[in-house]
Full PDB file with SEQRES, HELIX, SHEET, SSBOND, CRYST1, ORIGX, SCALE, CONECT and MASTER records, all heavy atoms in Angstrom:
SEQRES   1 A   40  THR GLU LYS LEU PRO PRO PRO LYS ASN ASP LEU ASP LEU          
SEQRES   2 A   40  ALA ALA ALA ALA ALA VAL ILE ALA LEU ARG ARG HIS ALA          
SEQRES   3 A   40  ARG GLY HIS SER PRO GLY PRO GLY GLN PRO ARG THR GLY          
SEQRES   4 A   40  GLY                                                          
HELIX    1 AA1 ASP A   10  ARG A   27  1                                  18    
CRYST1    1.000    1.000    1.000  90.00  90.00  90.00 P 1           1          
ORIGX1      1.000000  0.000000  0.000000        0.00000                         
ORIGX2      0.000000  1.000000  0.000000        0.00000                         
ORIGX3      0.000000  0.000000  1.000000        0.00000                         
SCALE1      1.000000  0.000000  0.000000        0.00000                         
SCALE2      0.000000  1.000000  0.000000        0.00000                         
SCALE3      0.000000  0.000000  1.000000        0.00000                         
ATOM      1  N   THR A   1      39.092  11.152 -64.503  1.00  0.00           N  
ATOM      2  CA  THR A   1      39.233  11.464 -63.118  1.00  0.00           C  
ATOM      3  C   THR A   1      37.979  11.164 -62.309  1.00  0.00           C  
ATOM      4  O   THR A   1      37.940  10.644 -61.279  1.00  0.00           O  
ATOM      5  CB  THR A   1      39.776  12.860 -62.875  1.00  0.00           C  
ATOM      6  OG1 THR A   1      41.045  13.111 -63.554  1.00  0.00           O  
ATOM      7  CG2 THR A   1      39.906  13.255 -61.389  1.00  0.00           C  
ATOM      8  N   GLU A   2      36.865  11.565 -63.004  1.00  0.00           N  
ATOM      9  CA  GLU A   2      35.513  11.462 -62.340  1.00  0.00           C  
ATOM     10  C   GLU A   2      34.890  10.120 -62.660  1.00  0.00           C  
ATOM     11  O   GLU A   2      33.786   9.900 -62.171  1.00  0.00           O  
ATOM     12  CB  GLU A   2      34.599  12.605 -62.887  1.00  0.00           C  
ATOM     13  CG  GLU A   2      35.046  13.932 -62.497  1.00  0.00           C  
ATOM     14  CD  GLU A   2      34.591  14.352 -61.032  1.00  0.00           C  
ATOM     15  OE1 GLU A   2      33.892  13.538 -60.408  1.00  0.00           O  
ATOM     16  OE2 GLU A   2      35.137  15.317 -60.493  1.00  0.00           O  
ATOM     17  N   LYS A   3      35.693   9.129 -63.272  1.00  0.00           N  
ATOM     18  CA  LYS A   3      35.133   7.844 -63.530  1.00  0.00           C  
ATOM     19  C   LYS A   3      33.895   7.816 -64.395  1.00  0.00           C  
ATOM     20  O   LYS A   3      32.922   7.009 -64.090  1.00  0.00           O  
ATOM     21  CB  LYS A   3      34.938   7.054 -62.218  1.00  0.00           C  
ATOM     22  CG  LYS A   3      36.311   6.939 -61.460  1.00  0.00           C  
ATOM     23  CD  LYS A   3      35.979   6.122 -60.194  1.00  0.00           C  
ATOM     24  CE  LYS A   3      37.303   5.810 -59.456  1.00  0.00           C  
ATOM     25  NZ  LYS A   3      38.154   6.966 -59.137  1.00  0.00           N  
ATOM     26  N   LEU A   4      33.862   8.695 -65.384  1.00  0.00           N  
ATOM     27  CA  LEU A   4      32.766   8.778 -66.351  1.00  0.00           C  
ATOM     28  C   LEU A   4      33.150   7.920 -67.620  1.00  0.00           C  
ATOM     29  O   LEU A   4      34.343   7.838 -67.956  1.00  0.00           O  
ATOM     30  CB  LEU A   4      32.327  10.193 -66.685  1.00  0.00           C  
ATOM     31  CG  LEU A   4      31.906  11.038 -65.538  1.00  0.00           C  
ATOM     32  CD1 LEU A   4      31.644  12.456 -66.026  1.00  0.00           C  
ATOM     33  CD2 LEU A   4      30.548  10.524 -64.984  1.00  0.00           C  
ATOM     34  N   PRO A   5      32.045   7.467 -68.323  1.00  0.00           N  
ATOM     35  CA  PRO A   5      32.442   6.848 -69.656  1.00  0.00           C  
ATOM     36  C   PRO A   5      33.170   7.639 -70.566  1.00  0.00           C  
ATOM     37  O   PRO A   5      32.895   8.922 -70.525  1.00  0.00           O  
ATOM     38  CB  PRO A   5      31.066   6.511 -70.239  1.00  0.00           C  
ATOM     39  CG  PRO A   5      30.149   6.402 -68.965  1.00  0.00           C  
ATOM     40  CD  PRO A   5      30.717   7.458 -68.089  1.00  0.00           C  
ATOM     41  N   PRO A   6      34.137   7.215 -71.339  1.00  0.00           N  
ATOM     42  CA  PRO A   6      34.900   8.161 -72.312  1.00  0.00           C  
ATOM     43  C   PRO A   6      33.931   8.768 -73.318  1.00  0.00           C  
ATOM     44  O   PRO A   6      33.213   7.996 -73.978  1.00  0.00           O  
ATOM     45  CB  PRO A   6      35.872   7.161 -72.941  1.00  0.00           C  
ATOM     46  CG  PRO A   6      35.971   5.988 -72.058  1.00  0.00           C  
ATOM     47  CD  PRO A   6      34.649   5.847 -71.355  1.00  0.00           C  
ATOM     48  N   PRO A   7      33.877  10.137 -73.470  1.00  0.00           N  
ATOM     49  CA  PRO A   7      33.065  10.825 -74.452  1.00  0.00           C  
ATOM     50  C   PRO A   7      33.455  10.335 -75.920  1.00  0.00           C  
ATOM     51  O   PRO A   7      34.624  10.337 -76.223  1.00  0.00           O  
ATOM     52  CB  PRO A   7      33.323  12.271 -74.288  1.00  0.00           C  
ATOM     53  CG  PRO A   7      33.983  12.334 -72.861  1.00  0.00           C  
ATOM     54  CD  PRO A   7      34.740  11.116 -72.751  1.00  0.00           C  
ATOM     55  N   LYS A   8      32.516  10.013 -76.632  1.00  0.00           N  
ATOM     56  CA  LYS A   8      32.721   9.511 -78.076  1.00  0.00           C  
ATOM     57  C   LYS A   8      32.472  10.569 -79.141  1.00  0.00           C  
ATOM     58  O   LYS A   8      32.927  10.493 -80.282  1.00  0.00           O  
ATOM     59  CB  LYS A   8      31.881   8.288 -78.353  1.00  0.00           C  
ATOM     60  CG  LYS A   8      32.202   7.136 -77.488  1.00  0.00           C  
ATOM     61  CD  LYS A   8      31.256   5.862 -77.703  1.00  0.00           C  
ATOM     62  CE  LYS A   8      31.635   4.737 -76.830  1.00  0.00           C  
ATOM     63  NZ  LYS A   8      30.704   3.625 -76.988  1.00  0.00           N  
ATOM     64  N   ASN A   9      31.613  11.588 -78.790  1.00  0.00           N  
ATOM     65  CA  ASN A   9      31.204  12.521 -79.921  1.00  0.00           C  
ATOM     66  C   ASN A   9      30.869  13.913 -79.039  1.00  0.00           C  
ATOM     67  O   ASN A   9      31.042  14.003 -77.887  1.00  0.00           O  
ATOM     68  CB  ASN A   9      30.043  12.117 -80.631  1.00  0.00           C  
ATOM     69  CG  ASN A   9      28.931  11.481 -79.704  1.00  0.00           C  
ATOM     70  OD1 ASN A   9      28.519  12.230 -78.754  1.00  0.00           O  
ATOM     71  ND2 ASN A   9      28.362  10.426 -80.090  1.00  0.00           N  
ATOM     72  N   ASP A  10      30.514  14.922 -79.843  1.00  0.00           N  
ATOM     73  CA  ASP A  10      30.199  16.199 -79.183  1.00  0.00           C  
ATOM     74  C   ASP A  10      29.060  16.102 -78.169  1.00  0.00           C  
ATOM     75  O   ASP A  10      29.117  16.795 -77.225  1.00  0.00           O  
ATOM     76  CB  ASP A  10      29.898  17.223 -80.252  1.00  0.00           C  
ATOM     77  CG  ASP A  10      30.999  17.740 -81.058  1.00  0.00           C  
ATOM     78  OD1 ASP A  10      32.155  17.398 -80.707  1.00  0.00           O  
ATOM     79  OD2 ASP A  10      30.823  18.479 -82.029  1.00  0.00           O  
ATOM     80  N   LEU A  11      28.039  15.202 -78.511  1.00  0.00           N  
ATOM     81  CA  LEU A  11      26.949  15.164 -77.553  1.00  0.00           C  
ATOM     82  C   LEU A  11      27.522  14.476 -76.191  1.00  0.00           C  
ATOM     83  O   LEU A  11      27.073  15.022 -75.103  1.00  0.00           O  
ATOM     84  CB  LEU A  11      25.879  14.218 -78.010  1.00  0.00           C  
ATOM     85  CG  LEU A  11      24.525  14.270 -77.413  1.00  0.00           C  
ATOM     86  CD1 LEU A  11      23.923  15.685 -77.438  1.00  0.00           C  
ATOM     87  CD2 LEU A  11      23.499  13.343 -78.139  1.00  0.00           C  
ATOM     88  N   ASP A  12      28.305  13.492 -76.268  1.00  0.00           N  
ATOM     89  CA  ASP A  12      28.889  12.916 -75.064  1.00  0.00           C  
ATOM     90  C   ASP A  12      29.733  13.915 -74.258  1.00  0.00           C  
ATOM     91  O   ASP A  12      29.733  13.976 -73.131  1.00  0.00           O  
ATOM     92  CB  ASP A  12      29.735  11.643 -75.351  1.00  0.00           C  
ATOM     93  CG  ASP A  12      28.871  10.520 -75.892  1.00  0.00           C  
ATOM     94  OD1 ASP A  12      27.634  10.541 -75.565  1.00  0.00           O  
ATOM     95  OD2 ASP A  12      29.392   9.538 -76.381  1.00  0.00           O  
ATOM     96  N   LEU A  13      30.535  14.682 -75.096  1.00  0.00           N  
ATOM     97  CA  LEU A  13      31.449  15.738 -74.479  1.00  0.00           C  
ATOM     98  C   LEU A  13      30.570  16.750 -73.687  1.00  0.00           C  
ATOM     99  O   LEU A  13      31.039  17.180 -72.633  1.00  0.00           O  
ATOM    100  CB  LEU A  13      32.254  16.402 -75.638  1.00  0.00           C  
ATOM    101  CG  LEU A  13      33.465  15.626 -76.116  1.00  0.00           C  
ATOM    102  CD1 LEU A  13      33.985  16.455 -77.361  1.00  0.00           C  
ATOM    103  CD2 LEU A  13      34.646  15.699 -75.101  1.00  0.00           C  
ATOM    104  N   ALA A  14      29.581  17.126 -74.336  1.00  0.00           N  
ATOM    105  CA  ALA A  14      28.675  18.251 -73.640  1.00  0.00           C  
ATOM    106  C   ALA A  14      28.105  17.716 -72.369  1.00  0.00           C  
ATOM    107  O   ALA A  14      28.035  18.362 -71.383  1.00  0.00           O  
ATOM    108  CB  ALA A  14      27.591  18.660 -74.691  1.00  0.00           C  
ATOM    109  N   ALA A  15      27.572  16.337 -72.450  1.00  0.00           N  
ATOM    110  CA  ALA A  15      27.070  15.751 -71.316  1.00  0.00           C  
ATOM    111  C   ALA A  15      28.109  15.622 -70.183  1.00  0.00           C  
ATOM    112  O   ALA A  15      27.847  15.878 -68.922  1.00  0.00           O  
ATOM    113  CB  ALA A  15      26.408  14.383 -71.567  1.00  0.00           C  
ATOM    114  N   ALA A  16      29.223  15.255 -70.522  1.00  0.00           N  
ATOM    115  CA  ALA A  16      30.374  15.015 -69.597  1.00  0.00           C  
ATOM    116  C   ALA A  16      30.751  16.363 -68.939  1.00  0.00           C  
ATOM    117  O   ALA A  16      30.879  16.514 -67.721  1.00  0.00           O  
ATOM    118  CB  ALA A  16      31.649  14.279 -70.209  1.00  0.00           C  
ATOM    119  N   ALA A  17      30.967  17.294 -69.784  1.00  0.00           N  
ATOM    120  CA  ALA A  17      31.274  18.661 -69.215  1.00  0.00           C  
ATOM    121  C   ALA A  17      30.229  19.266 -68.371  1.00  0.00           C  
ATOM    122  O   ALA A  17      30.628  19.756 -67.281  1.00  0.00           O  
ATOM    123  CB  ALA A  17      31.526  19.650 -70.482  1.00  0.00           C  
ATOM    124  N   ALA A  18      28.988  19.012 -68.648  1.00  0.00           N  
ATOM    125  CA  ALA A  18      27.928  19.567 -67.854  1.00  0.00           C  
ATOM    126  C   ALA A  18      27.948  18.733 -66.461  1.00  0.00           C  
ATOM    127  O   ALA A  18      27.839  19.343 -65.404  1.00  0.00           O  
ATOM    128  CB  ALA A  18      26.586  19.335 -68.457  1.00  0.00           C  
ATOM    129  N   VAL A  19      28.078  17.515 -66.472  1.00  0.00           N  
ATOM    130  CA  VAL A  19      28.040  16.749 -65.216  1.00  0.00           C  
ATOM    131  C   VAL A  19      29.246  17.111 -64.308  1.00  0.00           C  
ATOM    132  O   VAL A  19      29.094  17.280 -63.180  1.00  0.00           O  
ATOM    133  CB  VAL A  19      28.105  15.186 -65.593  1.00  0.00           C  
ATOM    134  CG1 VAL A  19      28.386  14.320 -64.378  1.00  0.00           C  
ATOM    135  CG2 VAL A  19      26.694  14.774 -66.178  1.00  0.00           C  
ATOM    136  N   ILE A  20      30.452  17.173 -65.002  1.00  0.00           N  
ATOM    137  CA  ILE A  20      31.690  17.475 -64.221  1.00  0.00           C  
ATOM    138  C   ILE A  20      31.485  18.846 -63.658  1.00  0.00           C  
ATOM    139  O   ILE A  20      31.876  19.073 -62.512  1.00  0.00           O  
ATOM    140  CB  ILE A  20      32.884  17.240 -64.957  1.00  0.00           C  
ATOM    141  CG1 ILE A  20      32.949  15.845 -65.469  1.00  0.00           C  
ATOM    142  CG2 ILE A  20      34.135  17.609 -64.209  1.00  0.00           C  
ATOM    143  CD1 ILE A  20      33.995  15.575 -66.613  1.00  0.00           C  
ATOM    144  N   ALA A  21      31.112  19.826 -64.379  1.00  0.00           N  
ATOM    145  CA  ALA A  21      31.032  21.175 -63.931  1.00  0.00           C  
ATOM    146  C   ALA A  21      30.030  21.263 -62.856  1.00  0.00           C  
ATOM    147  O   ALA A  21      30.329  22.050 -61.882  1.00  0.00           O  
ATOM    148  CB  ALA A  21      30.632  22.099 -65.151  1.00  0.00           C  
ATOM    149  N   LEU A  22      28.963  20.646 -62.895  1.00  0.00           N  
ATOM    150  CA  LEU A  22      27.855  20.682 -61.846  1.00  0.00           C  
ATOM    151  C   LEU A  22      28.364  19.983 -60.625  1.00  0.00           C  
ATOM    152  O   LEU A  22      28.074  20.444 -59.505  1.00  0.00           O  
ATOM    153  CB  LEU A  22      26.600  20.053 -62.391  1.00  0.00           C  
ATOM    154  CG  LEU A  22      25.466  20.288 -61.431  1.00  0.00           C  
ATOM    155  CD1 LEU A  22      25.291  21.755 -61.012  1.00  0.00           C  
ATOM    156  CD2 LEU A  22      24.070  19.937 -62.085  1.00  0.00           C  
ATOM    157  N   ARG A  23      29.102  18.888 -60.806  1.00  0.00           N  
ATOM    158  CA  ARG A  23      29.747  18.209 -59.618  1.00  0.00           C  
ATOM    159  C   ARG A  23      30.638  19.256 -58.859  1.00  0.00           C  
ATOM    160  O   ARG A  23      30.540  19.364 -57.608  1.00  0.00           O  
ATOM    161  CB  ARG A  23      30.501  16.946 -60.035  1.00  0.00           C  
ATOM    162  CG  ARG A  23      29.648  15.747 -60.343  1.00  0.00           C  
ATOM    163  CD  ARG A  23      30.603  14.620 -60.763  1.00  0.00           C  
ATOM    164  NE  ARG A  23      29.772  13.399 -61.035  1.00  0.00           N  
ATOM    165  CZ  ARG A  23      30.306  12.255 -61.279  1.00  0.00           C  
ATOM    166  NH1 ARG A  23      31.628  12.148 -61.221  1.00  0.00           N  
ATOM    167  NH2 ARG A  23      29.565  11.189 -61.532  1.00  0.00           N  
ATOM    168  N   ARG A  24      31.537  19.978 -59.545  1.00  0.00           N  
ATOM    169  CA  ARG A  24      32.380  20.905 -58.892  1.00  0.00           C  
ATOM    170  C   ARG A  24      31.696  22.041 -58.235  1.00  0.00           C  
ATOM    171  O   ARG A  24      31.985  22.501 -57.247  1.00  0.00           O  
ATOM    172  CB  ARG A  24      33.330  21.408 -59.991  1.00  0.00           C  
ATOM    173  CG  ARG A  24      34.349  20.400 -60.559  1.00  0.00           C  
ATOM    174  CD  ARG A  24      35.219  20.986 -61.720  1.00  0.00           C  
ATOM    175  NE  ARG A  24      36.114  19.955 -62.224  1.00  0.00           N  
ATOM    176  CZ  ARG A  24      36.913  20.225 -63.274  1.00  0.00           C  
ATOM    177  NH1 ARG A  24      36.896  21.434 -63.801  1.00  0.00           N  
ATOM    178  NH2 ARG A  24      37.635  19.310 -63.746  1.00  0.00           N  
ATOM    179  N   HIS A  25      30.587  22.545 -58.989  1.00  0.00           N  
ATOM    180  CA  HIS A  25      29.786  23.584 -58.502  1.00  0.00           C  
ATOM    181  C   HIS A  25      29.146  23.201 -57.194  1.00  0.00           C  
ATOM    182  O   HIS A  25      29.215  24.012 -56.174  1.00  0.00           O  
ATOM    183  CB  HIS A  25      28.735  23.980 -59.507  1.00  0.00           C  
ATOM    184  CG  HIS A  25      27.852  25.102 -59.104  1.00  0.00           C  
ATOM    185  ND1 HIS A  25      28.259  26.430 -59.312  1.00  0.00           N  
ATOM    186  CD2 HIS A  25      26.634  25.180 -58.504  1.00  0.00           C  
ATOM    187  CE1 HIS A  25      27.224  27.207 -58.930  1.00  0.00           C  
ATOM    188  NE2 HIS A  25      26.223  26.508 -58.476  1.00  0.00           N  
ATOM    189  N   ALA A  26      28.589  21.998 -57.122  1.00  0.00           N  
ATOM    190  CA  ALA A  26      27.835  21.527 -55.896  1.00  0.00           C  
ATOM    191  C   ALA A  26      28.720  21.156 -54.822  1.00  0.00           C  
ATOM    192  O   ALA A  26      28.406  21.322 -53.641  1.00  0.00           O  
ATOM    193  CB  ALA A  26      26.922  20.420 -56.316  1.00  0.00           C  
ATOM    194  N   ARG A  27      29.906  20.482 -55.136  1.00  0.00           N  
ATOM    195  CA  ARG A  27      30.737  20.178 -54.069  1.00  0.00           C  
ATOM    196  C   ARG A  27      31.632  21.266 -53.432  1.00  0.00           C  
ATOM    197  O   ARG A  27      32.177  21.114 -52.439  1.00  0.00           O  
ATOM    198  CB  ARG A  27      31.865  19.115 -54.628  1.00  0.00           C  
ATOM    199  CG  ARG A  27      31.139  17.852 -55.061  1.00  0.00           C  
ATOM    200  CD  ARG A  27      32.185  16.695 -55.320  1.00  0.00           C  
ATOM    201  NE  ARG A  27      33.103  17.072 -56.440  1.00  0.00           N  
ATOM    202  CZ  ARG A  27      33.473  16.282 -57.355  1.00  0.00           C  
ATOM    203  NH1 ARG A  27      32.998  15.068 -57.509  1.00  0.00           N  
ATOM    204  NH2 ARG A  27      34.329  16.650 -58.313  1.00  0.00           N  
ATOM    205  N   GLY A  28      31.660  22.416 -54.220  1.00  0.00           N  
ATOM    206  CA  GLY A  28      32.442  23.522 -53.706  1.00  0.00           C  
ATOM    207  C   GLY A  28      33.827  23.615 -54.053  1.00  0.00           C  
ATOM    208  O   GLY A  28      34.283  22.833 -54.947  1.00  0.00           O  
ATOM    209  N   HIS A  29      34.611  24.530 -53.453  1.00  0.00           N  
ATOM    210  CA  HIS A  29      35.942  24.880 -53.914  1.00  0.00           C  
ATOM    211  C   HIS A  29      36.995  24.606 -52.909  1.00  0.00           C  
ATOM    212  O   HIS A  29      36.723  24.780 -51.712  1.00  0.00           O  
ATOM    213  CB  HIS A  29      36.073  26.421 -54.282  1.00  0.00           C  
ATOM    214  CG  HIS A  29      37.422  26.923 -54.474  1.00  0.00           C  
ATOM    215  ND1 HIS A  29      38.104  27.615 -53.506  1.00  0.00           N  
ATOM    216  CD2 HIS A  29      38.284  26.773 -55.512  1.00  0.00           C  
ATOM    217  CE1 HIS A  29      39.242  27.900 -54.036  1.00  0.00           C  
ATOM    218  NE2 HIS A  29      39.415  27.485 -55.158  1.00  0.00           N  
ATOM    219  N   SER A  30      38.149  23.873 -53.323  1.00  0.00           N  
ATOM    220  CA  SER A  30      39.235  23.694 -52.299  1.00  0.00           C  
ATOM    221  C   SER A  30      40.356  24.598 -52.706  1.00  0.00           C  
ATOM    222  O   SER A  30      40.795  24.606 -53.832  1.00  0.00           O  
ATOM    223  CB  SER A  30      39.616  22.210 -52.434  1.00  0.00           C  
ATOM    224  OG  SER A  30      40.810  22.005 -51.625  1.00  0.00           O  
ATOM    225  N   PRO A  31      40.958  25.291 -51.755  1.00  0.00           N  
ATOM    226  CA  PRO A  31      42.011  26.284 -52.041  1.00  0.00           C  
ATOM    227  C   PRO A  31      43.307  25.595 -52.372  1.00  0.00           C  
ATOM    228  O   PRO A  31      44.275  26.163 -52.821  1.00  0.00           O  
ATOM    229  CB  PRO A  31      42.125  27.134 -50.714  1.00  0.00           C  
ATOM    230  CG  PRO A  31      41.581  26.174 -49.681  1.00  0.00           C  
ATOM    231  CD  PRO A  31      40.433  25.445 -50.290  1.00  0.00           C  
ATOM    232  N   GLY A  32      43.489  24.172 -52.111  1.00  0.00           N  
ATOM    233  CA  GLY A  32      44.617  23.569 -52.409  1.00  0.00           C  
ATOM    234  C   GLY A  32      44.511  22.048 -52.063  1.00  0.00           C  
ATOM    235  O   GLY A  32      43.515  21.588 -51.541  1.00  0.00           O  
ATOM    236  N   PRO A  33      45.481  21.293 -52.510  1.00  0.00           N  
ATOM    237  CA  PRO A  33      45.415  19.798 -52.446  1.00  0.00           C  
ATOM    238  C   PRO A  33      45.305  19.354 -50.811  1.00  0.00           C  
ATOM    239  O   PRO A  33      46.112  19.968 -50.026  1.00  0.00           O  
ATOM    240  CB  PRO A  33      46.792  19.333 -52.962  1.00  0.00           C  
ATOM    241  CG  PRO A  33      47.150  20.344 -53.922  1.00  0.00           C  
ATOM    242  CD  PRO A  33      46.702  21.700 -53.290  1.00  0.00           C  
ATOM    243  N   GLY A  34      44.420  18.632 -50.514  1.00  0.00           N  
ATOM    244  CA  GLY A  34      44.234  18.135 -49.143  1.00  0.00           C  
ATOM    245  C   GLY A  34      43.497  19.153 -48.232  1.00  0.00           C  
ATOM    246  O   GLY A  34      43.270  18.855 -47.141  1.00  0.00           O  
ATOM    247  N   GLN A  35      43.195  20.332 -48.749  1.00  0.00           N  
ATOM    248  CA  GLN A  35      42.458  21.256 -47.879  1.00  0.00           C  
ATOM    249  C   GLN A  35      40.951  21.085 -48.021  1.00  0.00           C  
ATOM    250  O   GLN A  35      40.467  20.666 -49.148  1.00  0.00           O  
ATOM    251  CB  GLN A  35      42.822  22.668 -48.264  1.00  0.00           C  
ATOM    252  CG  GLN A  35      44.349  22.942 -48.029  1.00  0.00           C  
ATOM    253  CD  GLN A  35      44.736  24.444 -48.079  1.00  0.00           C  
ATOM    254  OE1 GLN A  35      43.888  25.282 -47.601  1.00  0.00           O  
ATOM    255  NE2 GLN A  35      45.713  24.839 -48.688  1.00  0.00           N  
ATOM    256  N   PRO A  36      40.237  21.430 -47.044  1.00  0.00           N  
ATOM    257  CA  PRO A  36      38.713  21.169 -47.166  1.00  0.00           C  
ATOM    258  C   PRO A  36      38.035  22.068 -48.203  1.00  0.00           C  
ATOM    259  O   PRO A  36      38.439  23.181 -48.469  1.00  0.00           O  
ATOM    260  CB  PRO A  36      38.334  21.531 -45.704  1.00  0.00           C  
ATOM    261  CG  PRO A  36      39.273  22.517 -45.172  1.00  0.00           C  
ATOM    262  CD  PRO A  36      40.533  22.014 -45.807  1.00  0.00           C  
ATOM    263  N   ARG A  37      36.917  21.483 -48.748  1.00  0.00           N  
ATOM    264  CA  ARG A  37      36.103  22.262 -49.716  1.00  0.00           C  
ATOM    265  C   ARG A  37      35.168  23.129 -48.935  1.00  0.00           C  
ATOM    266  O   ARG A  37      34.582  22.797 -47.967  1.00  0.00           O  
ATOM    267  CB  ARG A  37      35.372  21.225 -50.554  1.00  0.00           C  
ATOM    268  CG  ARG A  37      36.193  20.441 -51.544  1.00  0.00           C  
ATOM    269  CD  ARG A  37      35.314  19.561 -52.420  1.00  0.00           C  
ATOM    270  NE  ARG A  37      36.199  18.952 -53.341  1.00  0.00           N  
ATOM    271  CZ  ARG A  37      36.460  19.336 -54.542  1.00  0.00           C  
ATOM    272  NH1 ARG A  37      36.015  20.591 -54.872  1.00  0.00           N  
ATOM    273  NH2 ARG A  37      37.294  18.708 -55.409  1.00  0.00           N  
ATOM    274  N   THR A  38      34.938  24.359 -49.489  1.00  0.00           N  
ATOM    275  CA  THR A  38      34.075  25.252 -48.901  1.00  0.00           C  
ATOM    276  C   THR A  38      33.046  25.779 -50.090  1.00  0.00           C  
ATOM    277  O   THR A  38      33.462  25.712 -51.345  1.00  0.00           O  
ATOM    278  CB  THR A  38      34.684  26.513 -48.287  1.00  0.00           C  
ATOM    279  OG1 THR A  38      35.568  27.033 -49.211  1.00  0.00           O  
ATOM    280  CG2 THR A  38      35.577  25.978 -47.001  1.00  0.00           C  
ATOM    281  N   GLY A  39      31.988  26.334 -49.800  1.00  0.00           N  
ATOM    282  CA  GLY A  39      31.235  27.007 -50.803  1.00  0.00           C  
ATOM    283  C   GLY A  39      30.321  26.026 -51.531  1.00  0.00           C  
ATOM    284  O   GLY A  39      29.810  26.312 -52.650  1.00  0.00           O  
ATOM    285  N   GLY A  40      30.089  24.799 -51.005  1.00  0.00           N  
ATOM    286  CA  GLY A  40      29.154  23.813 -51.632  1.00  0.00           C  
ATOM    287  C   GLY A  40      27.823  24.268 -51.783  1.00  0.00           C  
ATOM    288  O   GLY A  40      27.335  25.208 -51.019  1.00  0.00           O  
TER     289      GLY A  40                                                      
MASTER        0    0    0    1    0    0    0    6  288    1    0    4          
END                                                                             
């Protein structure tokens, strides 16, 4: 979904999980589809 390279091993999985989690943390939270993000 985030257009990242497919993780091949645990190290790649950890890097992908960290990047995606931080993207969500920084972008904020949307209460539903199509609704604006808040809390970035």
